[in-house]
Amino acid sequence: MLKDHMFEFYFDQMNELVFLAEVKNQHLYYKKMNKAAAKLVRCQGEAGMRLESVLPERVYHSLYLTSGKCF
């Protein structure tokens, strides 16, 4: 339980954009984003949405291309 609280604290304190995502059918679905990422997106939307529908197209494609297309 304490680990979860510590993770949440550090996750939200990061200045970098952080998305927790999972891969389904060669698409990224976000589970959670930190405050810096939410500020970029300007809304959190619903967890479970495809990352490409949450992020600006330019950002998503940059993320997708740097991921090595390993999914």
PDB file of N, CA and C in Angstrom:
ATOM      1  N   MET A   1       0.814  -1.189   0.000  1.00  0.00           N
ATOM      2  CA  MET A   1       0.000   0.000   0.000  1.00  0.00           C
ATOM      3  C   MET A   1       0.867   1.266   0.000  1.00  0.00           C
ATOM      4  N   LEU A   2       1.892   1.281   0.838  1.00  0.00           N
ATOM      5  CA  LEU A   2       2.786   2.428   0.887  1.00  0.00           C
ATOM      6  C   LEU A   2       3.500   2.607  -0.440  1.00  0.00           C
ATOM      7  N   LYS A   3       3.871   1.498  -1.086  1.00  0.00           N
ATOM      8  CA  LYS A   3       4.524   1.573  -2.395  1.00  0.00           C
ATOM      9  C   LYS A   3       3.628   2.278  -3.398  1.00  0.00           C
ATOM     10  N   ASP A   4       2.349   1.976  -3.376  1.00  0.00           N
ATOM     11  CA  ASP A   4       1.403   2.612  -4.298  1.00  0.00           C
ATOM     12  C   ASP A   4       1.349   4.117  -4.083  1.00  0.00           C
ATOM     13  N   HIS A   5       1.327   4.539  -2.827  1.00  0.00           N
ATOM     14  CA  HIS A   5       1.279   5.968  -2.530  1.00  0.00           C
ATOM     15  C   HIS A   5       2.569   6.659  -2.958  1.00  0.00           C
ATOM     16  N   MET A   6       3.696   6.001  -2.740  1.00  0.00           N
ATOM     17  CA  MET A   6       4.979   6.585  -3.153  1.00  0.00           C
ATOM     18  C   MET A   6       5.053   6.679  -4.670  1.00  0.00           C
ATOM     19  N   PHE A   7       4.594   5.637  -5.356  1.00  0.00           N
ATOM     20  CA  PHE A   7       4.581   5.669  -6.810  1.00  0.00           C
ATOM     21  C   PHE A   7       3.723   6.832  -7.310  1.00  0.00           C
ATOM     22  N   GLU A   8       2.525   6.965  -6.764  1.00  0.00           N
ATOM     23  CA  GLU A   8       1.617   8.051  -7.161  1.00  0.00           C
ATOM     24  C   GLU A   8       2.269   9.414  -6.947  1.00  0.00           C
ATOM     25  N   PHE A   9       2.921   9.586  -5.810  1.00  0.00           N
ATOM     26  CA  PHE A   9       3.564  10.857  -5.494  1.00  0.00           C
ATOM     27  C   PHE A   9       4.633  11.193  -6.531  1.00  0.00           C
ATOM     28  N   TYR A  10       5.552  10.271  -6.764  1.00  0.00           N
ATOM     29  CA  TYR A  10       6.640  10.538  -7.699  1.00  0.00           C
ATOM     30  C   TYR A  10       6.141  10.625  -9.143  1.00  0.00           C
ATOM     31  N   PHE A  11       5.178   9.820  -9.476  1.00  0.00           N
ATOM     32  CA  PHE A  11       4.585   9.837 -10.815  1.00  0.00           C
ATOM     33  C   PHE A  11       4.048  11.231 -11.130  1.00  0.00           C
ATOM     34  N   ASP A  12       3.322  11.827 -10.188  1.00  0.00           N
ATOM     35  CA  ASP A  12       2.728  13.148 -10.416  1.00  0.00           C
ATOM     36  C   ASP A  12       3.726  14.288 -10.285  1.00  0.00           C
ATOM     37  N   GLN A  13       4.857  14.067  -9.627  1.00  0.00           N
ATOM     38  CA  GLN A  13       5.848  15.125  -9.456  1.00  0.00           C
ATOM     39  C   GLN A  13       6.805  15.262 -10.632  1.00  0.00           C
ATOM     40  N   MET A  14       6.842  14.281 -11.512  1.00  0.00           N
ATOM     41  CA  MET A  14       7.769  14.326 -12.651  1.00  0.00           C
ATOM     42  C   MET A  14       7.409  15.466 -13.595  1.00  0.00           C
ATOM     43  N   ASN A  15       8.439  16.165 -14.081  1.00  0.00           N
ATOM     44  CA  ASN A  15       8.229  17.238 -15.052  1.00  0.00           C
ATOM     45  C   ASN A  15       8.052  16.692 -16.466  1.00  0.00           C
ATOM     46  N   GLU A  16       8.569  15.497 -16.687  1.00  0.00           N
ATOM     47  CA  GLU A  16       8.452  14.872 -17.992  1.00  0.00           C
ATOM     48  C   GLU A  16       7.033  14.357 -18.187  1.00  0.00           C
ATOM     49  N   LEU A  17       6.648  14.227 -19.455  1.00  0.00           N
ATOM     50  CA  LEU A  17       5.341  13.656 -19.771  1.00  0.00           C
ATOM     51  C   LEU A  17       5.418  12.155 -19.568  1.00  0.00           C
ATOM     52  N   VAL A  18       4.544  11.624 -18.732  1.00  0.00           N
ATOM     53  CA  VAL A  18       4.572  10.198 -18.458  1.00  0.00           C
ATOM     54  C   VAL A  18       3.173   9.623 -18.674  1.00  0.00           C
ATOM     55  N   PHE A  19       3.117   8.614 -19.523  1.00  0.00           N
ATOM     56  CA  PHE A  19       1.874   7.895 -19.772  1.00  0.00           C
ATOM     57  C   PHE A  19       2.106   6.435 -19.420  1.00  0.00           C
ATOM     58  N   LEU A  20       1.219   5.863 -18.678  1.00  0.00           N
ATOM     59  CA  LEU A  20       1.224   4.423 -18.480  1.00  0.00           C
ATOM     60  C   LEU A  20       0.259   3.890 -19.527  1.00  0.00           C
ATOM     61  N   ALA A  21       0.750   3.031 -20.373  1.00  0.00           N
ATOM     62  CA  ALA A  21      -0.074   2.555 -21.480  1.00  0.00           C
ATOM     63  C   ALA A  21       0.064   1.052 -21.631  1.00  0.00           C
ATOM     64  N   GLU A  22      -0.894   0.481 -22.308  1.00  0.00           N
ATOM     65  CA  GLU A  22      -0.806  -0.931 -22.646  1.00  0.00           C
ATOM     66  C   GLU A  22      -1.064  -1.066 -24.140  1.00  0.00           C
ATOM     67  N   VAL A  23      -0.562  -2.138 -24.701  1.00  0.00           N
ATOM     68  CA  VAL A  23      -0.702  -2.395 -26.125  1.00  0.00           C
ATOM     69  C   VAL A  23      -1.807  -3.411 -26.343  1.00  0.00           C
ATOM     70  N   LYS A  24      -2.737  -3.053 -27.226  1.00  0.00           N
ATOM     71  CA  LYS A  24      -3.796  -3.970 -27.639  1.00  0.00           C
ATOM     72  C   LYS A  24      -3.976  -3.799 -29.144  1.00  0.00           C
ATOM     73  N   ASN A  25      -3.918  -4.884 -29.861  1.00  0.00           N
ATOM     74  CA  ASN A  25      -4.144  -4.851 -31.317  1.00  0.00           C
ATOM     75  C   ASN A  25      -3.307  -3.787 -32.013  1.00  0.00           C
ATOM     76  N   GLN A  26      -2.050  -3.674 -31.651  1.00  0.00           N
ATOM     77  CA  GLN A  26      -1.079  -2.755 -32.223  1.00  0.00           C
ATOM     78  C   GLN A  26      -1.440  -1.292 -32.023  1.00  0.00           C
ATOM     79  N   HIS A  27      -2.191  -0.993 -30.977  1.00  0.00           N
ATOM     80  CA  HIS A  27      -2.510   0.387 -30.598  1.00  0.00           C
ATOM     81  C   HIS A  27      -2.151   0.561 -29.132  1.00  0.00           C
ATOM     82  N   LEU A  28      -1.775   1.791 -28.790  1.00  0.00           N
ATOM     83  CA  LEU A  28      -1.481   2.115 -27.400  1.00  0.00           C
ATOM     84  C   LEU A  28      -2.737   2.654 -26.735  1.00  0.00           C
ATOM     85  N   TYR A  29      -3.078   2.102 -25.585  1.00  0.00           N
ATOM     86  CA  TYR A  29      -4.210   2.572 -24.789  1.00  0.00           C
ATOM     87  C   TYR A  29      -3.664   3.085 -23.475  1.00  0.00           C
ATOM     88  N   TYR A  30      -4.032   4.300 -23.107  1.00  0.00           N
ATOM     89  CA  TYR A  30      -3.449   4.832 -21.884  1.00  0.00           C
ATOM     90  C   TYR A  30      -4.249   4.403 -20.670  1.00  0.00           C
ATOM     91  N   LYS A  31      -3.509   4.105 -19.629  1.00  0.00           N
ATOM     92  CA  LYS A  31      -4.088   3.721 -18.356  1.00  0.00           C
ATOM     93  C   LYS A  31      -4.120   4.913 -17.404  1.00  0.00           C
ATOM     94  N   LYS A  32      -3.065   5.727 -17.492  1.00  0.00           N
ATOM     95  CA  LYS A  32      -2.923   6.858 -16.582  1.00  0.00           C
ATOM     96  C   LYS A  32      -1.892   7.817 -17.147  1.00  0.00           C
ATOM     97  N   MET A  33      -2.010   9.093 -16.811  1.00  0.00           N
ATOM     98  CA  MET A  33      -0.994  10.076 -17.193  1.00  0.00           C
ATOM     99  C   MET A  33      -0.696  10.948 -15.990  1.00  0.00           C
ATOM    100  N   ASN A  34       0.528  11.481 -15.958  1.00  0.00           N
ATOM    101  CA  ASN A  34       0.880  12.343 -14.837  1.00  0.00           C
ATOM    102  C   ASN A  34       0.392  13.770 -15.105  1.00  0.00           C
ATOM    103  N   LYS A  35       0.615  14.660 -14.149  1.00  0.00           N
ATOM    104  CA  LYS A  35       0.110  16.033 -14.255  1.00  0.00           C
ATOM    105  C   LYS A  35       0.709  16.766 -15.443  1.00  0.00           C
ATOM    106  N   ALA A  36       2.000  16.564 -15.722  1.00  0.00           N
ATOM    107  CA  ALA A  36       2.638  17.234 -16.861  1.00  0.00           C
ATOM    108  C   ALA A  36       1.988  16.800 -18.176  1.00  0.00           C
ATOM    109  N   ALA A  37       1.698  15.533 -18.303  1.00  0.00           N
ATOM    110  CA  ALA A  37       1.039  15.035 -19.515  1.00  0.00           C
ATOM    111  C   ALA A  37      -0.388  15.561 -19.613  1.00  0.00           C
ATOM    112  N   ALA A  38      -1.091  15.590 -18.494  1.00  0.00           N
ATOM    113  CA  ALA A  38      -2.468  16.097 -18.489  1.00  0.00           C
ATOM    114  C   ALA A  38      -2.506  17.562 -18.897  1.00  0.00           C
ATOM    115  N   LYS A  39      -1.466  18.311 -18.517  1.00  0.00           N
ATOM    116  CA  LYS A  39      -1.400  19.723 -18.894  1.00  0.00           C
ATOM    117  C   LYS A  39      -1.252  19.856 -20.415  1.00  0.00           C
ATOM    118  N   LEU A  40      -0.456  18.998 -21.030  1.00  0.00           N
ATOM    119  CA  LEU A  40      -0.283  19.021 -22.483  1.00  0.00           C
ATOM    120  C   LEU A  40      -1.593  18.676 -23.177  1.00  0.00           C
ATOM    121  N   VAL A  41      -2.245  17.648 -22.693  1.00  0.00           N
ATOM    122  CA  VAL A  41      -3.473  17.164 -23.315  1.00  0.00           C
ATOM    123  C   VAL A  41      -4.649  18.073 -22.974  1.00  0.00           C
ATOM    124  N   ARG A  42      -4.565  18.764 -21.852  1.00  0.00           N
ATOM    125  CA  ARG A  42      -5.576  19.688 -21.349  1.00  0.00           C
ATOM    126  C   ARG A  42      -6.842  19.018 -20.834  1.00  0.00           C
ATOM    127  N   CYS A  43      -6.848  17.720 -20.806  1.00  0.00           N
ATOM    128  CA  CYS A  43      -7.915  16.988 -20.144  1.00  0.00           C
ATOM    129  C   CYS A  43      -7.433  15.557 -20.014  1.00  0.00           C
ATOM    130  N   GLN A  44      -7.897  14.876 -19.042  1.00  0.00           N
ATOM    131  CA  GLN A  44      -7.418  13.516 -18.859  1.00  0.00           C
ATOM    132  C   GLN A  44      -8.212  12.513 -19.659  1.00  0.00           C
ATOM    133  N   GLY A  45      -9.419  12.844 -20.038  1.00  0.00           N
ATOM    134  CA  GLY A  45     -10.210  11.879 -20.774  1.00  0.00           C
ATOM    135  C   GLY A  45     -10.459  10.648 -19.924  1.00  0.00           C
ATOM    136  N   GLU A  46     -10.913   9.633 -20.527  1.00  0.00           N
ATOM    137  CA  GLU A  46     -11.190   8.393 -19.819  1.00  0.00           C
ATOM    138  C   GLU A  46     -10.020   7.438 -19.964  1.00  0.00           C
ATOM    139  N   ALA A  47      -9.593   6.870 -18.877  1.00  0.00           N
ATOM    140  CA  ALA A  47      -8.560   5.846 -18.950  1.00  0.00           C
ATOM    141  C   ALA A  47      -9.076   4.730 -19.848  1.00  0.00           C
ATOM    142  N   GLY A  48      -8.202   4.198 -20.646  1.00  0.00           N
ATOM    143  CA  GLY A  48      -8.594   3.151 -21.578  1.00  0.00           C
ATOM    144  C   GLY A  48      -8.783   3.657 -22.998  1.00  0.00           C
ATOM    145  N   MET A  49      -8.703   4.975 -23.185  1.00  0.00           N
ATOM    146  CA  MET A  49      -8.819   5.531 -24.538  1.00  0.00           C
ATOM    147  C   MET A  49      -7.530   5.260 -25.313  1.00  0.00           C
ATOM    148  N   ARG A  50      -7.647   5.218 -26.626  1.00  0.00           N
ATOM    149  CA  ARG A  50      -6.442   5.070 -27.443  1.00  0.00           C
ATOM    150  C   ARG A  50      -5.615   6.332 -27.298  1.00  0.00           C
ATOM    151  N   LEU A  51      -4.328   6.146 -27.129  1.00  0.00           N
ATOM    152  CA  LEU A  51      -3.425   7.267 -26.920  1.00  0.00           C
ATOM    153  C   LEU A  51      -3.472   8.236 -28.091  1.00  0.00           C
ATOM    154  N   GLU A  52      -3.665   7.729 -29.292  1.00  0.00           N
ATOM    155  CA  GLU A  52      -3.707   8.611 -30.459  1.00  0.00           C
ATOM    156  C   GLU A  52      -4.928   9.529 -30.449  1.00  0.00           C
ATOM    157  N   SER A  53      -5.975   9.177 -29.722  1.00  0.00           N
ATOM    158  CA  SER A  53      -7.138  10.061 -29.639  1.00  0.00           C
ATOM    159  C   SER A  53      -7.006  11.076 -28.508  1.00  0.00           C
ATOM    160  N   VAL A  54      -6.025  10.871 -27.635  1.00  0.00           N
ATOM    161  CA  VAL A  54      -5.815  11.768 -26.505  1.00  0.00           C
ATOM    162  C   VAL A  54      -4.714  12.777 -26.799  1.00  0.00           C
ATOM    163  N   LEU A  55      -3.660  12.339 -27.476  1.00  0.00           N
ATOM    164  CA  LEU A  55      -2.510  13.197 -27.762  1.00  0.00           C
ATOM    165  C   LEU A  55      -2.689  13.952 -29.073  1.00  0.00           C
ATOM    166  N   PRO A  56      -2.032  15.110 -29.176  1.00  0.00           N
ATOM    167  CA  PRO A  56      -1.973  15.756 -30.482  1.00  0.00           C
ATOM    168  C   PRO A  56      -1.295  14.807 -31.480  1.00  0.00           C
ATOM    169  N   GLU A  57      -1.733  14.831 -32.718  1.00  0.00           N
ATOM    170  CA  GLU A  57      -1.244  13.880 -33.730  1.00  0.00           C
ATOM    171  C   GLU A  57       0.275  13.876 -33.836  1.00  0.00           C
ATOM    172  N   ARG A  58       0.881  15.056 -33.825  1.00  0.00           N
ATOM    173  CA  ARG A  58       2.338  15.177 -33.944  1.00  0.00           C
ATOM    174  C   ARG A  58       3.043  14.467 -32.792  1.00  0.00           C
ATOM    175  N   VAL A  59       2.531  14.629 -31.595  1.00  0.00           N
ATOM    176  CA  VAL A  59       3.137  14.013 -30.416  1.00  0.00           C
ATOM    177  C   VAL A  59       2.981  12.493 -30.473  1.00  0.00           C
ATOM    178  N   TYR A  60       1.792  12.043 -30.842  1.00  0.00           N
ATOM    179  CA  TYR A  60       1.558  10.603 -30.912  1.00  0.00           C
ATOM    180  C   TYR A  60       2.489   9.946 -31.928  1.00  0.00           C
ATOM    181  N   HIS A  61       2.601  10.536 -33.110  1.00  0.00           N
ATOM    182  CA  HIS A  61       3.448   9.936 -34.145  1.00  0.00           C
ATOM    183  C   HIS A  61       4.915   9.931 -33.730  1.00  0.00           C
ATOM    184  N   SER A  62       5.334  10.960 -33.035  1.00  0.00           N
ATOM    185  CA  SER A  62       6.704  10.999 -32.533  1.00  0.00           C
ATOM    186  C   SER A  62       6.920   9.864 -31.524  1.00  0.00           C
ATOM    187  N   LEU A  63       5.983   9.682 -30.635  1.00  0.00           N
ATOM    188  CA  LEU A  63       6.053   8.603 -29.646  1.00  0.00           C
ATOM    189  C   LEU A  63       6.024   7.242 -30.324  1.00  0.00           C
ATOM    190  N   TYR A  64       5.145   7.090 -31.275  1.00  0.00           N
ATOM    191  CA  TYR A  64       4.995   5.821 -31.974  1.00  0.00           C
ATOM    192  C   TYR A  64       6.272   5.464 -32.734  1.00  0.00           C
ATOM    193  N   LEU A  65       6.853   6.444 -33.426  1.00  0.00           N
ATOM    194  CA  LEU A  65       8.062   6.193 -34.211  1.00  0.00           C
ATOM    195  C   LEU A  65       9.263   5.889 -33.324  1.00  0.00           C
ATOM    196  N   THR A  66       9.364   6.520 -32.168  1.00  0.00           N
ATOM    197  CA  THR A  66      10.517   6.272 -31.293  1.00  0.00           C
ATOM    198  C   THR A  66      10.342   5.014 -30.473  1.00  0.00           C
ATOM    199  N   SER A  67       9.169   4.423 -30.493  1.00  0.00           N
ATOM    200  CA  SER A  67       8.953   3.208 -29.712  1.00  0.00           C
ATOM    201  C   SER A  67       9.584   1.990 -30.380  1.00  0.00           C
ATOM    202  N   GLY A  68      10.043   2.157 -31.613  1.00  0.00           N
ATOM    203  CA  GLY A  68      10.645   1.043 -32.331  1.00  0.00           C
ATOM    204  C   GLY A  68       9.599   0.108 -32.922  1.00  0.00           C
ATOM    205  N   LYS A  69       8.356   0.538 -32.865  1.00  0.00           N
ATOM    206  CA  LYS A  69       7.249  -0.256 -33.391  1.00  0.00           C
ATOM    207  C   LYS A  69       7.337  -1.699 -32.905  1.00  0.00           C
ATOM    208  N   CYS A  70       7.649  -1.849 -31.632  1.00  0.00           N
ATOM    209  CA  CYS A  70       7.801  -3.185 -31.069  1.00  0.00           C
ATOM    210  C   CYS A  70       6.473  -3.788 -30.664  1.00  0.00           C
ATOM    211  N   PHE A  71       5.417  -3.078 -30.906  1.00  0.00           N
ATOM    212  CA  PHE A  71       4.122  -3.636 -30.580  1.00  0.00           C
ATOM    213  C   PHE A  71       3.416  -3.871 -31.846  1.00  0.00           C
TER     214      PHE A  71
END
